[in-house]
Every structure is written in C-alpha cells, then in structure tokens.
Amino acid sequence: MEMRTQELNRLKIMGKSIECSCRLIIKVFDTEIARIEKQLDKKVQEQAEWTERKAILVSAPGVGNTLAYTLLADMPELGTMNNKQAAALVGVAPINRDSGKCRGKRRIQGGRANVRTTL
C-alpha cells in the first residue's frame, strides 16, 4: 500500500515519457493488493470468530478492510479489554510525565507500531 502511494505521488511530478511506466507499476500494485485481499477474505471467512470481529470493526466509521485486517492480525486481544486499555496497547493513549508536584507534558509513545501507522 505504501509503495503504491509513493508511485501515485511520483506520478504527479513525472514527465510524460515516464508516466506510462509509472502507471504500469501502479496497476501491478493494484493487482497484487486485490489478490492479497481475496486471500485475506478467504482466511477470515474460514474462522467464524474472525468473520464476526471483522464485521464489527468494519461497521465503525472510518474502518475499512486494511485497518480491520491489521487489527485482527496484530491485536488478537481486541474485544477483551476496554477502550483505554486498547489505546494504551496501540500507543495512542497520552502518557503522564509527572513527578511529585511537577506536571509534565502528556505524550503518546510506544505501542504496536504496525497498528499505529495503519491508524
């Protein structure tokens, strides 16, 4: 997905002579993405629990197949914890930097990098 996005960005600044080659590469990426998504759909449909979880995830606004597959693969414990625990596990929950009476900045850090970048 990232490489496809990179090629789309390059396409905007390329000259006409290279544009055809760039479009061909994008088609190859589209074909591979479609093939992989079909394989993932097949694997998810084989497991009733995964099918149910994917349906719940995709029903949320802004969650598509890519994020749903990432969450299913990289956060199997999803559904067994509350929203704050899940946010901390991904690394998007603000962490306190307090010490005694000193109140530091809240920052997000750590967590599961693959899930975080997909979000």
Protein backbone atom coordinates (compact mmCIF):
# COMPACT_ATOMS: atom_id res chain seq x y z
CA MET A 1 0.00 0.00 0.00
CA GLU A 2 2.78 2.41 0.90
CA MET A 3 4.67 1.70 -2.32
CA ARG A 4 1.51 2.26 -4.35
CA THR A 5 1.02 5.61 -2.63
CA GLN A 6 4.63 6.52 -3.37
CA GLU A 7 4.14 5.75 -7.05
CA LEU A 8 0.95 7.82 -7.16
CA ASN A 9 2.87 10.73 -5.64
CA ARG A 10 5.68 10.30 -8.17
CA LEU A 11 3.16 10.26 -10.99
CA LYS A 12 2.19 13.84 -10.17
CA ILE A 13 5.70 15.16 -10.83
CA MET A 14 6.86 12.82 -13.61
CA GLY A 15 7.25 13.81 -17.20
CA LYS A 16 5.10 12.31 -19.95
CA SER A 17 7.83 9.87 -21.02
CA ILE A 18 7.96 8.11 -17.64
CA GLU A 19 4.25 8.43 -16.81
CA CYS A 20 3.32 5.27 -18.75
CA SER A 21 5.86 3.19 -16.82
CA CYS A 22 4.64 4.60 -13.53
CA ARG A 23 1.01 3.77 -14.37
CA LEU A 24 2.05 0.20 -15.22
CA ILE A 25 3.71 -0.18 -11.82
CA ILE A 26 0.57 1.15 -10.12
CA LYS A 27 -1.55 -1.44 -11.99
CA VAL A 28 0.78 -4.20 -10.77
CA PHE A 29 0.40 -2.96 -7.19
CA ASP A 30 -3.41 -2.79 -7.60
CA THR A 31 -3.46 -6.38 -8.89
CA GLU A 32 -1.33 -7.63 -6.00
CA ILE A 33 -3.37 -5.74 -3.42
CA ALA A 34 -6.59 -7.25 -4.82
CA ARG A 35 -5.07 -10.76 -4.79
CA ILE A 36 -3.88 -10.42 -1.20
CA GLU A 37 -7.24 -9.01 -0.07
CA LYS A 38 -9.01 -12.02 -1.63
CA GLN A 39 -6.68 -14.36 0.26
CA LEU A 40 -7.30 -12.50 3.50
CA ASP A 41 -11.07 -12.56 2.93
CA LYS A 42 -10.89 -16.32 2.38
CA LYS A 43 -8.87 -16.86 5.56
CA VAL A 44 -11.21 -14.66 7.61
CA GLN A 45 -14.29 -16.48 6.29
CA GLU A 46 -12.79 -19.81 7.37
CA GLN A 47 -12.92 -18.65 11.01
CA ALA A 48 -16.38 -17.72 12.32
CA GLU A 49 -14.89 -15.64 15.15
CA TRP A 50 -12.76 -13.61 12.73
CA THR A 51 -15.73 -13.05 10.43
CA GLU A 52 -17.76 -11.69 13.34
CA ARG A 53 -14.90 -9.49 14.56
CA LYS A 54 -14.24 -8.13 11.07
CA ALA A 55 -17.93 -7.28 10.64
CA ILE A 56 -17.90 -5.37 13.93
CA LEU A 57 -14.71 -3.50 13.02
CA VAL A 58 -15.85 -2.54 9.51
CA SER A 59 -19.18 -1.29 10.86
CA ALA A 60 -17.32 1.53 12.67
CA PRO A 61 -16.98 4.78 10.69
CA GLY A 62 -13.55 5.14 9.08
CA VAL A 63 -12.58 1.48 9.42
CA GLY A 64 -12.01 -0.31 6.14
CA ASN A 65 -10.63 -3.70 5.22
CA THR A 66 -6.98 -2.69 5.63
CA LEU A 67 -7.39 -1.47 9.20
CA ALA A 68 -9.69 -4.38 10.07
CA TYR A 69 -7.13 -6.94 8.83
CA THR A 70 -4.34 -5.14 10.69
CA LEU A 71 -6.32 -5.14 13.94
CA LEU A 72 -7.29 -8.80 13.55
CA ALA A 73 -3.68 -9.82 12.93
CA ASP A 74 -1.79 -7.56 15.32
CA MET A 75 -4.29 -7.15 18.17
CA PRO A 76 -5.89 -10.54 18.81
CA GLU A 77 -6.81 -9.46 22.34
CA LEU A 78 -9.12 -6.77 20.96
CA GLY A 79 -12.58 -7.28 22.42
CA THR A 80 -11.29 -8.48 25.77
CA MET A 81 -10.28 -5.03 27.04
CA ASN A 82 -11.82 -1.61 27.39
CA ASN A 83 -11.15 1.34 25.09
CA LYS A 84 -8.48 2.90 27.33
CA GLN A 85 -6.53 -0.34 27.56
CA ALA A 86 -6.71 -0.78 23.79
CA ALA A 87 -5.50 2.79 23.21
CA ALA A 88 -2.55 2.21 25.56
CA LEU A 89 -1.71 -1.07 23.82
CA VAL A 90 -1.63 0.64 20.42
CA GLY A 91 0.35 3.56 21.81
CA VAL A 92 -2.13 6.37 21.19
CA ALA A 93 -3.10 6.99 24.82
CA PRO A 94 -1.49 10.04 26.41
CA ILE A 95 1.11 9.02 28.99
CA ASN A 96 1.68 11.28 32.01
CA ARG A 97 5.15 12.70 32.60
CA ASP A 98 4.51 13.74 36.21
CA SER A 99 6.92 13.65 39.12
CA GLY A 100 5.90 14.91 42.54
CA LYS A 101 4.37 18.35 42.19
CA CYS A 102 5.83 18.82 38.72
CA ARG A 103 3.34 18.19 35.97
CA GLY A 104 4.94 17.30 32.65
CA LYS A 105 3.59 17.08 29.14
CA ARG A 106 1.36 14.22 28.09
CA ARG A 107 2.76 12.28 25.15
CA ILE A 108 1.86 9.29 23.08
CA GLN A 109 4.55 6.71 22.52
CA GLY A 110 5.33 3.05 22.19
CA GLY A 111 2.67 0.52 21.44
CA ARG A 112 2.32 -1.66 18.41
CA ALA A 113 3.94 0.20 15.55
CA ASN A 114 2.14 -1.59 12.72
CA VAL A 115 -1.28 -0.83 14.16
CA ARG A 116 -0.29 2.73 14.99
CA THR A 117 0.91 3.52 11.48
CA THR A 118 -2.17 1.94 9.93
CA LEU A 119 -4.40 4.12 12.09
